[in-house]
């Protein structure tokens, strides 16, 4: 199963490293990443494979939400099917 992780907030050192570390901790494979910095705002979208994750989807969302709070950023995890449905015209 695929999911989309979004990270939005003030740019700081180590954002990508911290998000990647949580992916590794949860056995989530990162398949694609795009990121940009607009003035001092950091925006990243990751396409990940959660099929081999060592936690259930609710626990994965909670862990990334907690990471977002630690970093002072918004970090969300959305199943790809839901993400695609939300963004269809």
PDB file of N, CA and C in Angstrom:
ATOM      1  N   UNK A   1       0.847  -1.173   0.000  1.00  0.00           N
ATOM      2  CA  UNK A   1       0.000   0.000   0.000  1.00  0.00           C
ATOM      3  C   UNK A   1       0.892   1.235   0.000  1.00  0.00           C
ATOM      4  N   UNK A   2       0.504   2.217  -0.789  1.00  0.00           N
ATOM      5  CA  UNK A   2       1.245   3.475  -0.882  1.00  0.00           C
ATOM      6  C   UNK A   2       0.568   4.541  -0.020  1.00  0.00           C
ATOM      7  N   UNK A   3       1.383   5.500   0.408  1.00  0.00           N
ATOM      8  CA  UNK A   3       0.872   6.630   1.171  1.00  0.00           C
ATOM      9  C   UNK A   3       1.656   7.872   0.779  1.00  0.00           C
ATOM     10  N   UNK A   4       1.098   9.027   1.106  1.00  0.00           N
ATOM     11  CA  UNK A   4       1.749  10.308   0.852  1.00  0.00           C
ATOM     12  C   UNK A   4       1.997  10.966   2.206  1.00  0.00           C
ATOM     13  N   UNK A   5       3.255  11.347   2.449  1.00  0.00           N
ATOM     14  CA  UNK A   5       3.613  12.082   3.657  1.00  0.00           C
ATOM     15  C   UNK A   5       3.879  13.520   3.237  1.00  0.00           C
ATOM     16  N   UNK A   6       3.215  14.463   3.878  1.00  0.00           N
ATOM     17  CA  UNK A   6       3.449  15.877   3.594  1.00  0.00           C
ATOM     18  C   UNK A   6       4.048  16.536   4.836  1.00  0.00           C
ATOM     19  N   UNK A   7       4.997  17.425   4.596  1.00  0.00           N
ATOM     20  CA  UNK A   7       5.666  18.150   5.674  1.00  0.00           C
ATOM     21  C   UNK A   7       5.658  19.626   5.298  1.00  0.00           C
ATOM     22  N   UNK A   8       5.114  20.455   6.182  1.00  0.00           N
ATOM     23  CA  UNK A   8       5.015  21.891   5.915  1.00  0.00           C
ATOM     24  C   UNK A   8       5.360  22.647   7.188  1.00  0.00           C
ATOM     25  N   UNK A   9       6.200  23.663   7.055  1.00  0.00           N
ATOM     26  CA  UNK A   9       6.519  24.501   8.202  1.00  0.00           C
ATOM     27  C   UNK A   9       7.782  25.315   7.962  1.00  0.00           C
ATOM     28  N   UNK A  10       8.215  26.026   8.979  1.00  0.00           N
ATOM     29  CA  UNK A  10       9.423  26.844   8.889  1.00  0.00           C
ATOM     30  C   UNK A  10      10.630  25.936   8.662  1.00  0.00           C
ATOM     31  N   UNK A  11      11.477  26.339   7.734  1.00  0.00           N
ATOM     32  CA  UNK A  11      12.660  25.545   7.399  1.00  0.00           C
ATOM     33  C   UNK A  11      13.639  25.521   8.571  1.00  0.00           C
ATOM     34  N   UNK A  12      14.131  24.327   8.885  1.00  0.00           N
ATOM     35  CA  UNK A  12      15.157  24.142   9.906  1.00  0.00           C
ATOM     36  C   UNK A  12      16.123  23.068   9.420  1.00  0.00           C
ATOM     37  N   UNK A  13      17.242  22.963  10.044  1.00  0.00           N
ATOM     38  CA  UNK A  13      18.238  21.956   9.703  1.00  0.00           C
ATOM     39  C   UNK A  13      17.736  20.577  10.127  1.00  0.00           C
ATOM     40  N   UNK A  14      17.867  19.600   9.234  1.00  0.00           N
ATOM     41  CA  UNK A  14      17.600  18.212   9.591  1.00  0.00           C
ATOM     42  C   UNK A  14      16.194  17.696   9.374  1.00  0.00           C
ATOM     43  N   UNK A  15      15.339  18.453   8.712  1.00  0.00           N
ATOM     44  CA  UNK A  15      13.953  18.009   8.527  1.00  0.00           C
ATOM     45  C   UNK A  15      13.903  16.690   7.758  1.00  0.00           C
ATOM     46  N   UNK A  16      14.575  16.648   6.617  1.00  0.00           N
ATOM     47  CA  UNK A  16      14.538  15.443   5.794  1.00  0.00           C
ATOM     48  C   UNK A  16      15.129  14.259   6.560  1.00  0.00           C
ATOM     49  N   UNK A  17      16.212  14.499   7.275  1.00  0.00           N
ATOM     50  CA  UNK A  17      16.846  13.430   8.050  1.00  0.00           C
ATOM     51  C   UNK A  17      15.913  12.878   9.114  1.00  0.00           C
ATOM     52  N   UNK A  18      15.193  13.748   9.797  1.00  0.00           N
ATOM     53  CA  UNK A  18      14.298  13.285  10.870  1.00  0.00           C
ATOM     54  C   UNK A  18      13.109  12.516  10.319  1.00  0.00           C
ATOM     55  N   UNK A  19      12.529  12.994   9.213  1.00  0.00           N
ATOM     56  CA  UNK A  19      11.399  12.285   8.607  1.00  0.00           C
ATOM     57  C   UNK A  19      11.872  10.938   8.073  1.00  0.00           C
ATOM     58  N   UNK A  20      13.033  10.907   7.440  1.00  0.00           N
ATOM     59  CA  UNK A  20      13.593   9.658   6.925  1.00  0.00           C
ATOM     60  C   UNK A  20      13.890   8.675   8.052  1.00  0.00           C
ATOM     61  N   UNK A  21      14.364   9.171   9.181  1.00  0.00           N
ATOM     62  CA  UNK A  21      14.659   8.309  10.322  1.00  0.00           C
ATOM     63  C   UNK A  21      13.392   7.634  10.850  1.00  0.00           C
ATOM     64  N   UNK A  22      12.284   8.371  10.890  1.00  0.00           N
ATOM     65  CA  UNK A  22      11.024   7.773  11.336  1.00  0.00           C
ATOM     66  C   UNK A  22      10.546   6.743  10.323  1.00  0.00           C
ATOM     67  N   UNK A  23      10.739   7.019   9.038  1.00  0.00           N
ATOM     68  CA  UNK A  23      10.393   6.023   8.015  1.00  0.00           C
ATOM     69  C   UNK A  23      11.185   4.734   8.258  1.00  0.00           C
ATOM     70  N   UNK A  24      12.477   4.866   8.505  1.00  0.00           N
ATOM     71  CA  UNK A  24      13.315   3.692   8.762  1.00  0.00           C
ATOM     72  C   UNK A  24      12.868   2.963  10.029  1.00  0.00           C
ATOM     73  N   UNK A  25      12.561   3.727  11.071  1.00  0.00           N
ATOM     74  CA  UNK A  25      12.092   3.161  12.341  1.00  0.00           C
ATOM     75  C   UNK A  25      10.833   2.314  12.141  1.00  0.00           C
ATOM     76  N   UNK A  26       9.951   2.768  11.256  1.00  0.00           N
ATOM     77  CA  UNK A  26       8.673   2.081  11.016  1.00  0.00           C
ATOM     78  C   UNK A  26       8.724   1.122   9.824  1.00  0.00           C
ATOM     79  N   UNK A  27       9.922   0.931   9.244  1.00  0.00           N
ATOM     80  CA  UNK A  27      10.106   0.053   8.083  1.00  0.00           C
ATOM     81  C   UNK A  27       9.256   0.504   6.892  1.00  0.00           C
ATOM     82  N   UNK A  28       9.247   1.805   6.655  1.00  0.00           N
ATOM     83  CA  UNK A  28       8.512   2.401   5.538  1.00  0.00           C
ATOM     84  C   UNK A  28       9.524   2.776   4.461  1.00  0.00           C
ATOM     85  N   UNK A  29       9.300   2.309   3.230  1.00  0.00           N
ATOM     86  CA  UNK A  29      10.212   2.579   2.124  1.00  0.00           C
ATOM     87  C   UNK A  29       9.829   3.886   1.421  1.00  0.00           C
ATOM     88  N   UNK A  30      10.800   4.778   1.284  1.00  0.00           N
ATOM     89  CA  UNK A  30      10.594   6.039   0.572  1.00  0.00           C
ATOM     90  C   UNK A  30      10.805   5.771  -0.918  1.00  0.00           C
ATOM     91  N   UNK A  31       9.789   6.057  -1.734  1.00  0.00           N
ATOM     92  CA  UNK A  31       9.877   5.798  -3.167  1.00  0.00           C
ATOM     93  C   UNK A  31      10.149   7.046  -3.990  1.00  0.00           C
ATOM     94  N   UNK A  32       9.650   8.195  -3.548  1.00  0.00           N
ATOM     95  CA  UNK A  32       9.871   9.425  -4.292  1.00  0.00           C
ATOM     96  C   UNK A  32       9.732  10.605  -3.331  1.00  0.00           C
ATOM     97  N   UNK A  33      10.481  11.646  -3.590  1.00  0.00           N
ATOM     98  CA  UNK A  33      10.461  12.834  -2.731  1.00  0.00           C
ATOM     99  C   UNK A  33      10.540  14.081  -3.602  1.00  0.00           C
ATOM    100  N   UNK A  34       9.747  15.068  -3.251  1.00  0.00           N
ATOM    101  CA  UNK A  34       9.915  16.395  -3.825  1.00  0.00           C
ATOM    102  C   UNK A  34       9.846  17.378  -2.666  1.00  0.00           C
ATOM    103  N   UNK A  35      10.709  18.381  -2.723  1.00  0.00           N
ATOM    104  CA  UNK A  35      10.706  19.372  -1.652  1.00  0.00           C
ATOM    105  C   UNK A  35      11.135  20.712  -2.214  1.00  0.00           C
ATOM    106  N   UNK A  36      10.657  21.758  -1.570  1.00  0.00           N
ATOM    107  CA  UNK A  36      11.080  23.095  -1.949  1.00  0.00           C
ATOM    108  C   UNK A  36      11.034  23.993  -0.728  1.00  0.00           C
ATOM    109  N   UNK A  37      11.767  25.067  -0.821  1.00  0.00           N
ATOM    110  CA  UNK A  37      11.779  26.064   0.239  1.00  0.00           C
ATOM    111  C   UNK A  37      11.346  27.377  -0.398  1.00  0.00           C
ATOM    112  N   UNK A  38      10.249  27.917   0.105  1.00  0.00           N
ATOM    113  CA  UNK A  38       9.705  29.182  -0.388  1.00  0.00           C
ATOM    114  C   UNK A  38       9.946  30.222   0.693  1.00  0.00           C
ATOM    115  N   UNK A  39      10.909  31.102   0.446  1.00  0.00           N
ATOM    116  CA  UNK A  39      11.408  32.037   1.451  1.00  0.00           C
ATOM    117  C   UNK A  39      11.869  31.204   2.639  1.00  0.00           C
ATOM    118  N   UNK A  40      11.183  31.212   3.767  1.00  0.00           N
ATOM    119  CA  UNK A  40      11.637  30.375   4.893  1.00  0.00           C
ATOM    120  C   UNK A  40      10.657  29.244   5.209  1.00  0.00           C
ATOM    121  N   UNK A  41       9.763  28.941   4.270  1.00  0.00           N
ATOM    122  CA  UNK A  41       8.802  27.855   4.456  1.00  0.00           C
ATOM    123  C   UNK A  41       9.273  26.603   3.715  1.00  0.00           C
ATOM    124  N   UNK A  42       9.317  25.482   4.432  1.00  0.00           N
ATOM    125  CA  UNK A  42       9.744  24.202   3.882  1.00  0.00           C
ATOM    126  C   UNK A  42       8.498  23.408   3.519  1.00  0.00           C
ATOM    127  N   UNK A  43       8.484  22.827   2.320  1.00  0.00           N
ATOM    128  CA  UNK A  43       7.362  21.998   1.857  1.00  0.00           C
ATOM    129  C   UNK A  43       7.941  20.722   1.245  1.00  0.00           C
ATOM    130  N   UNK A  44       7.459  19.574   1.696  1.00  0.00           N
ATOM    131  CA  UNK A  44       7.943  18.308   1.159  1.00  0.00           C
ATOM    132  C   UNK A  44       6.777  17.346   0.995  1.00  0.00           C
ATOM    133  N   UNK A  45       6.822  16.591  -0.100  1.00  0.00           N
ATOM    134  CA  UNK A  45       5.858  15.512  -0.332  1.00  0.00           C
ATOM    135  C   UNK A  45       6.662  14.258  -0.609  1.00  0.00           C
ATOM    136  N   UNK A  46       6.354  13.198   0.116  1.00  0.00           N
ATOM    137  CA  UNK A  46       7.024  11.913  -0.068  1.00  0.00           C
ATOM    138  C   UNK A  46       5.987  10.867  -0.453  1.00  0.00           C
ATOM    139  N   UNK A  47       6.299  10.072  -1.466  1.00  0.00           N
ATOM    140  CA  UNK A  47       5.499   8.903  -1.784  1.00  0.00           C
ATOM    141  C   UNK A  47       6.211   7.726  -1.141  1.00  0.00           C
ATOM    142  N   UNK A  48       5.503   6.999  -0.293  1.00  0.00           N
ATOM    143  CA  UNK A  48       6.116   5.908   0.460  1.00  0.00           C
ATOM    144  C   UNK A  48       5.304   4.626   0.306  1.00  0.00           C
ATOM    145  N   UNK A  49       5.972   3.511   0.532  1.00  0.00           N
ATOM    146  CA  UNK A  49       5.326   2.202   0.539  1.00  0.00           C
ATOM    147  C   UNK A  49       5.233   1.757   1.993  1.00  0.00           C
ATOM    148  N   UNK A  50       4.009   1.627   2.484  1.00  0.00           N
ATOM    149  CA  UNK A  50       3.796   1.248   3.882  1.00  0.00           C
ATOM    150  C   UNK A  50       3.381  -0.218   4.030  1.00  0.00           C
ATOM    151  N   UNK A  51       3.467  -0.993   2.945  1.00  0.00           N
ATOM    152  CA  UNK A  51       2.986  -2.378   3.001  1.00  0.00           C
ATOM    153  C   UNK A  51       3.788  -3.241   3.973  1.00  0.00           C
ATOM    154  N   UNK A  52       5.052  -2.905   4.224  1.00  0.00           N
ATOM    155  CA  UNK A  52       5.864  -3.691   5.152  1.00  0.00           C
ATOM    156  C   UNK A  52       6.062  -2.978   6.491  1.00  0.00           C
ATOM    157  N   UNK A  53       5.276  -1.932   6.742  1.00  0.00           N
ATOM    158  CA  UNK A  53       5.425  -1.166   7.989  1.00  0.00           C
ATOM    159  C   UNK A  53       5.224  -2.074   9.199  1.00  0.00           C
ATOM    160  N   UNK A  54       5.987  -1.790  10.257  1.00  0.00           N
ATOM    161  CA  UNK A  54       5.881  -2.594  11.467  1.00  0.00           C
ATOM    162  C   UNK A  54       4.889  -2.015  12.477  1.00  0.00           C
ATOM    163  N   UNK A  55       3.997  -1.146  11.993  1.00  0.00           N
ATOM    164  CA  UNK A  55       2.934  -0.559  12.833  1.00  0.00           C
ATOM    165  C   UNK A  55       1.686  -0.429  11.974  1.00  0.00           C
ATOM    166  N   UNK A  56       0.526  -0.421  12.630  1.00  0.00           N
ATOM    167  CA  UNK A  56      -0.720  -0.266  11.874  1.00  0.00           C
ATOM    168  C   UNK A  56      -0.861   1.186  11.404  1.00  0.00           C
ATOM    169  N   UNK A  57      -1.737   1.431  10.413  1.00  0.00           N
ATOM    170  CA  UNK A  57      -1.859   2.785   9.841  1.00  0.00           C
ATOM    171  C   UNK A  57      -2.146   3.875  10.873  1.00  0.00           C
ATOM    172  N   UNK A  58      -2.967   3.586  11.858  1.00  0.00           N
ATOM    173  CA  UNK A  58      -3.270   4.601  12.876  1.00  0.00           C
ATOM    174  C   UNK A  58      -2.019   4.956  13.674  1.00  0.00           C
ATOM    175  N   UNK A  59      -1.223   3.964  14.032  1.00  0.00           N
ATOM    176  CA  UNK A  59       0.013   4.210  14.786  1.00  0.00           C
ATOM    177  C   UNK A  59       1.023   4.981  13.943  1.00  0.00           C
ATOM    178  N   UNK A  60       1.079   4.695  12.651  1.00  0.00           N
ATOM    179  CA  UNK A  60       1.973   5.429  11.748  1.00  0.00           C
ATOM    180  C   UNK A  60       1.581   6.904  11.720  1.00  0.00           C
ATOM    181  N   UNK A  61       0.277   7.183  11.566  1.00  0.00           N
ATOM    182  CA  UNK A  61      -0.184   8.582  11.546  1.00  0.00           C
ATOM    183  C   UNK A  61       0.140   9.287  12.863  1.00  0.00           C
ATOM    184  N   UNK A  62      -0.071   8.600  13.975  1.00  0.00           N
ATOM    185  CA  UNK A  62       0.208   9.192  15.288  1.00  0.00           C
ATOM    186  C   UNK A  62       1.698   9.493  15.434  1.00  0.00           C
ATOM    187  N   UNK A  63       2.549   8.579  14.984  1.00  0.00           N
ATOM    188  CA  UNK A  63       4.003   8.779  15.108  1.00  0.00           C
ATOM    189  C   UNK A  63       4.470   9.983  14.295  1.00  0.00           C
ATOM    190  N   UNK A  64       3.945  10.121  13.074  1.00  0.00           N
ATOM    191  CA  UNK A  64       4.348  11.266  12.253  1.00  0.00           C
ATOM    192  C   UNK A  64       3.749  12.571  12.774  1.00  0.00           C
ATOM    193  N   UNK A  65       2.546  12.527  13.325  1.00  0.00           N
ATOM    194  CA  UNK A  65       1.967  13.732  13.939  1.00  0.00           C
ATOM    195  C   UNK A  65       2.821  14.177  15.125  1.00  0.00           C
ATOM    196  N   UNK A  66       3.298  13.211  15.917  1.00  0.00           N
ATOM    197  CA  UNK A  66       4.165  13.527  17.058  1.00  0.00           C
ATOM    198  C   UNK A  66       5.486  14.133  16.576  1.00  0.00           C
ATOM    199  N   UNK A  67       6.026  13.590  15.495  1.00  0.00           N
ATOM    200  CA  UNK A  67       7.250  14.161  14.919  1.00  0.00           C
ATOM    201  C   UNK A  67       7.009  15.601  14.498  1.00  0.00           C
ATOM    202  N   UNK A  68       5.866  15.855  13.868  1.00  0.00           N
ATOM    203  CA  UNK A  68       5.528  17.214  13.471  1.00  0.00           C
ATOM    204  C   UNK A  68       5.495  18.163  14.656  1.00  0.00           C
ATOM    205  N   UNK A  69       4.904  17.714  15.757  1.00  0.00           N
ATOM    206  CA  UNK A  69       4.866  18.550  16.965  1.00  0.00           C
ATOM    207  C   UNK A  69       6.269  18.819  17.490  1.00  0.00           C
ATOM    208  N   UNK A  70       7.120  17.782  17.489  1.00  0.00           N
ATOM    209  CA  UNK A  70       8.506  17.947  17.952  1.00  0.00           C
ATOM    210  C   UNK A  70       9.245  18.989  17.124  1.00  0.00           C
ATOM    211  N   UNK A  71       8.994  18.999  15.814  1.00  0.00           N
ATOM    212  CA  UNK A  71       9.705  19.905  14.907  1.00  0.00           C
ATOM    213  C   UNK A  71       8.994  21.248  14.736  1.00  0.00           C
ATOM    214  N   UNK A  72       7.781  21.385  15.266  1.00  0.00           N
ATOM    215  CA  UNK A  72       7.005  22.608  15.066  1.00  0.00           C
ATOM    216  C   UNK A  72       6.503  22.739  13.643  1.00  0.00           C
ATOM    217  N   UNK A  73       6.197  21.586  13.026  1.00  0.00           N
ATOM    218  CA  UNK A  73       5.740  21.553  11.639  1.00  0.00           C
ATOM    219  C   UNK A  73       4.477  20.696  11.559  1.00  0.00           C
ATOM    220  N   UNK A  74       3.827  20.752  10.415  1.00  0.00           N
ATOM    221  CA  UNK A  74       2.676  19.886  10.168  1.00  0.00           C
ATOM    222  C   UNK A  74       3.161  18.711   9.333  1.00  0.00           C
ATOM    223  N   UNK A  75       3.006  17.499   9.858  1.00  0.00           N
ATOM    224  CA  UNK A  75       3.388  16.286   9.138  1.00  0.00           C
ATOM    225  C   UNK A  75       2.155  15.389   9.087  1.00  0.00           C
ATOM    226  N   UNK A  76       1.707  15.061   7.890  1.00  0.00           N
ATOM    227  CA  UNK A  76       0.523  14.219   7.744  1.00  0.00           C
ATOM    228  C   UNK A  76       0.836  13.021   6.862  1.00  0.00           C
ATOM    229  N   UNK A  77       0.115  11.941   7.118  1.00  0.00           N
ATOM    230  CA  UNK A  77       0.222  10.723   6.320  1.00  0.00           C
ATOM    231  C   UNK A  77      -1.166  10.409   5.780  1.00  0.00           C
ATOM    232  N   UNK A  78      -1.260  10.252   4.468  1.00  0.00           N
ATOM    233  CA  UNK A  78      -2.538   9.981   3.808  1.00  0.00           C
ATOM    234  C   UNK A  78      -2.346   8.824   2.833  1.00  0.00           C
ATOM    235  N   UNK A  79      -3.223   7.836   2.898  1.00  0.00           N
ATOM    236  CA  UNK A  79      -3.154   6.748   1.915  1.00  0.00           C
ATOM    237  C   UNK A  79      -3.240   7.336   0.517  1.00  0.00           C
ATOM    238  N   UNK A  80      -2.520   6.774  -0.431  1.00  0.00           N
ATOM    239  CA  UNK A  80      -2.482   7.335  -1.778  1.00  0.00           C
ATOM    240  C   UNK A  80      -3.866   7.395  -2.410  1.00  0.00           C
ATOM    241  N   UNK A  81      -4.708   6.390  -2.172  1.00  0.00           N
ATOM    242  CA  UNK A  81      -6.048   6.387  -2.758  1.00  0.00           C
ATOM    243  C   UNK A  81      -6.854   7.591  -2.269  1.00  0.00           C
ATOM    244  N   UNK A  82      -6.739   7.890  -0.986  1.00  0.00           N
ATOM    245  CA  UNK A  82      -7.456   9.030  -0.410  1.00  0.00           C
ATOM    246  C   UNK A  82      -6.880  10.332  -0.960  1.00  0.00           C
ATOM    247  N   UNK A  83      -5.563  10.422  -1.017  1.00  0.00           N
ATOM    248  CA  UNK A  83      -4.896  11.615  -1.548  1.00  0.00           C
ATOM    249  C   UNK A  83      -5.328  11.864  -2.993  1.00  0.00           C
ATOM    250  N   UNK A  84      -5.319  10.801  -3.808  1.00  0.00           N
ATOM    251  CA  UNK A  84      -5.729  10.934  -5.219  1.00  0.00           C
ATOM    252  C   UNK A  84      -7.179  11.389  -5.331  1.00  0.00           C
ATOM    253  N   UNK A  85      -8.066  10.821  -4.524  1.00  0.00           N
ATOM    254  CA  UNK A  85      -9.482  11.182  -4.569  1.00  0.00           C
ATOM    255  C   UNK A  85      -9.700  12.636  -4.161  1.00  0.00           C
ATOM    256  N   UNK A  86      -8.938  13.103  -3.179  1.00  0.00           N
ATOM    257  CA  UNK A  86      -9.078  14.482  -2.701  1.00  0.00           C
ATOM    258  C   UNK A  86      -8.611  15.492  -3.744  1.00  0.00           C
ATOM    259  N   UNK A  87      -7.727  15.091  -4.644  1.00  0.00           N
ATOM    260  CA  UNK A  87      -7.122  16.030  -5.575  1.00  0.00           C
ATOM    261  C   UNK A  87      -7.547  15.832  -7.019  1.00  0.00           C
ATOM    262  N   UNK A  88      -8.641  15.112  -7.239  1.00  0.00           N
ATOM    263  CA  UNK A  88      -9.185  14.966  -8.584  1.00  0.00           C
ATOM    264  C   UNK A  88     -10.122  16.125  -8.873  1.00  0.00           C
ATOM    265  N   UNK A  89     -10.080  16.581 -10.097  1.00  0.00           N
ATOM    266  CA  UNK A  89     -10.973  17.680 -10.499  1.00  0.00           C
ATOM    267  C   UNK A  89     -12.251  17.089 -11.061  1.00  0.00           C
TER     268      UNK A  89
END
